[in-house]
Every structure is written in structure tokens, then in C-alpha cells.
Amino acid sequence: MRFVVSSDLLLLLLISFLLQHVHICLTFTDNNRLYYAKEFLHRFGYIKTNDSSLEISPPAVKAFQRFIGLNQTGIIDELTWQKMREPRCGNKDLRRIQRRKRYILQGSRWPSNEPLTFRIVKYPTTFPQQFVDTELTKALKLWSSASSLEFEHRKLKKQDALKASNLDHKTDIRISFEIGDHGDTEPFDGPGNVLGHAFFPQYGGDAHFDNDEYWTMKSTDGVNLFQVAAHEFGHSLGLEHSNKPDAIMAPFFKGYTSNFSLQEDDIRAIQALYGGKPSKSFSSPLSNSIETFQPASKQMAPSVKSSNKVTSLCQDPQFDAIIIIDDDTYIFKDHLVYRRSKSSLDTEYPKPIRDVFGRWEGGIWQTIPDKIDTALTWPNQQIFFFKGKHYWKTIRFQLQTGYPRLIQDGFRGLDEHHFFTGHLNAAFVYSGDNHTYFIKDAMIWRLHMNLEFSSSIDIDYPQFASRWLNIGEKITSAIQWINGLTYFFSHKYYYRYDHIHQQRLPEKW
């Protein structure tokens, strides 16, 4: 028996076969894309746990799209997929909730009393060593030019090259070029994608670069070592990824840029941790517009003994700030803090501020600064210390991570648009309405709710402080004391305020 198949039927069978084949290929490609996308979101902090399914939570995708500035569709569209495939840093993007487009501080920092040392313990195999030294040193100078940091290069001796992995553990930042799995649970993936990663100060500050990359300098070919190193060293100094797309600390490599430099977000970040350049040599256009706190000249651990300095508070009753913890009053003056019980000053005080308010982190004692402008006590044991345009937060005596922060970020509306230029005179919770108020010179601002970050200054503020309080003198500090009344201080006098009749009685401090 002979079968005859027409040409039309053959064509139909061929088309059917091709369609089935294409469908199988597309399904395979889609599954691969979903698998990679889920691995990506898990690796960089958008998904906490990664199961074996190919389902991806839309909120996780939206978080990534929001972080890098794409439309928040919640699906792996083509733009999102292409962004996931771009070369980038291996550090996570998200470790905590991101509220604003700005830099993020990880929470640890190096002491700033002496230069940070760095050593290149393993060089790349395809890039000349002298050029590596030049490019990495130049990358660190970007950060030192905008801050109080200084760096010292400890060069590797030839006889020690083979034992570099066991070399000089006293070096602060150790730099190496590695391949694949190199012992830190964050393996490299060959050319492209992850270019490098670095550890924060509390974990040692070391920086690793993928040796499989085609590293270059001053070229649009390959991967520019200077630019990638500048980003990774930001992590080594305590900065997390920024969701400002133009910032150096944004997670993706943008390609060679001829005029590569720190952006405003990067400068604000490094100065929030280490202060500005103490000399006048830093010529950044932002140096005149960004006011920074200056850290103490030495970061020291708390001393064992209290200060033996003769109490000067009674001789000169002017002070910087006053707060309540439990039933005790703490009074800040210059670098010292005094404690007053209900009856008298504590004879074990004064003590250096750094001895009382701080925390250990990564072997470093972190503390609030000396000579603060003022402080604010909230009833839930949260205490805020203000200096310049920055503030620090403690829970009782324990300094919290992620500080200092800009005042305008934690207390929205307390900014130049609302006539606040830094250096508060007073911050307090008023007994009349339990709102938080801020005073600077003749002006007063009111916070809508006593909530950090999520609340803002009321729309009808600022107002004139003298009209609001009926106190003509300049306020230098204020506090709601344990008796529920609000006290205002002005040089040698204080005013116990009757919030019901809005009357006050001056008394000697």
C-alpha cells in the first residue's frame, strides 16, 4: 500500500513541528529567566528566603525597580531583566527599609585618629602591578579628599608575595583579586555581572575584585578598575548602596567616565561618618554648602575612672543640653556630662560624655560628639542629640546604629526651606500639648507627631518664639521635667512654665 502526502500537508506538519519546538524553547528561556531573576533578588537582599519554585513575589520585584528608578510594574519586564544582567557590585542593595533616595550608612566606622592602612595582598594576573597601585590609591584619594580620612599604602615585599594570605593582620584594608569561590561565601562568577565586593569596617574592611574581569584604565573597553575600586572602598569605609542613580555608591557599573568623581550624595555620606576636611585644601563645590559634624580627634574607649576635674557648673551655669533618664537629670557642658538626682549633683560626676553614651561595635567604641547644641528626650527612652545639621540617637545610654543622620531626614520640614540652617538652641516636648518643639534663635517649629522619619513640621510653622512663649529672652535649652512641667533656660535663669495660663516665673539657675 502506498501513501501519498501532498505538499500542503507537509508544510502544515512542518509548521506544527516548528511551533512546538519554538514553544519548548520559549518555555525553557522563560524558566531560565525566572530562575536567574529569583536568584538575583535573593542574593541582593530583595527576597529573604529562596525556595525551589519559580514564583517571584511582585513586591520584591517592585522593591528592586523602585531602588534603581524603574517603573514599578512588579513583573520581570525587559527593562528590569536587562538591568539585572548589568555588571555590578556583589554587596546587597537592601538590608533595611529604604525611605528616601539618598545614601545609607551601614552603622560601623573606622576611628579617625590616625591614617587607615591598606595593602594589596594579591594582584590581578593580567594587569600591571604599578598601574594597580596607581588606580587603587587614586580611588582612596577620592574619599580622603572629601573627608577627614587619610590613607597609608603598605606595599607588599617581594619575599612575602607567596605568603600574602597570612600577611600582616594589623593592616586595616586588605585588597585582593580572586577567582570563583575564594573562601568568604560570596564566590565570583567569571567575566561580567559581579565585579567585586567589600566588607564593612566592623567586618574588617577588606575588598575583593574578580580576577576574571578584563580590568582597564582610561578606556571604554573592559571594566575600569579605578571606578569599581572607588565604589568598593565606599563599603570598606562604612557606606551601603545608594539609590541615587548618579552616586558612586549606586550598585551598577556605568561604564568608563572620563570625569569620574564623588557626587553630592557620596560626599554627604562620607562626611556624615568622618566629618569634612579639616584643612582648606578640599576644593569641592559642595564644601561651602554642606555643613558637617567634626568627629573628636581621637576615638577612645570609655575610661575606667571618672573625671577628677573640679565641677564648674555652679561657677558658670551655662550649659549645652539637658535630658532626663529615669529620675535623674543629665546636664551636658563641653565634653563633660553632670548627673543630678532630685536633691543634688552626683559626686561621681562629671564624666566625659564618651564614657557614658556610646556602644562597642567591631572593637571600636562609637560615641556621641562633644559640645552638642541641644538634646531631646522622648517618653519611650529615645534620646536625640543635635549638633550642626546632624543628630545622634540613643536608647537610654546605648548609641543606636546608622547615626549620625541629617536633622531634615529624621524630622522632615526642619530644613532651609523652612528657615532652619542648623545649630538648634533647644528641643523639647511641651507639657501643654505633648508636641515636640524646636527652637533656633527667634524661631520655633512644631513636629506634628512624636515620630522619627514619618512625621513632619506642622504647616503653620515656624513662628516667633517670643510671641508663642511670652518669653522675651533668648532660649538656650528646654526640658519637660519629671514633675510634668516644662522648664526653659536662658543663660543664668530658668523659667518654670504654667502651660494652662501661659505664665512663667524667672528663677536663679
Foldseek 3Di string as FASTA:
>chain_A
DDDDDDPVNVVVVVVVVVVVVVVVVVVVVVQVLLVLVLVLLCQQPLDVDRDPDSDDFLVSLQVVCVLQVHPSPSDCDPVNSVVQQFAWARYHQDPDDDDDQFWFFQFDADKLQDAAEEEELADFPPDDPVVVVVLLVVLVVLLVLWFSHHYDYDYDDPVCNVVSVPPDLVHQEYEHADAADDPPPRGDDAEGHHAWAFAENLVRLYIYGHSRWPEDDPDQPTADPNLVSSQRSLRSRGIAAGSPNVASSHTGRPTDDPPDHGDPRSSVVSCQRGNGHPDPPNDPPCPVVDHGDHADSGFDAADPAFDPDDDCCVVFVDFQEWDDDDQWIWTAHFQWIWIAHPPGTDPSDTGGQLNQAFDDGSNTTGGDGGRFRYKEADPQQWIWTFHFQWIWIDNPRYTDGRDTDGPCQFAPPCDVVQPHGGRWQEWEQALLPRWIWTHDWQWIWTWPDPGTRPTYTDPPDTDGPCVVQVDDATFRYWYQHPVSWIWTDHGQWIWTADSVVSDTDIDGD
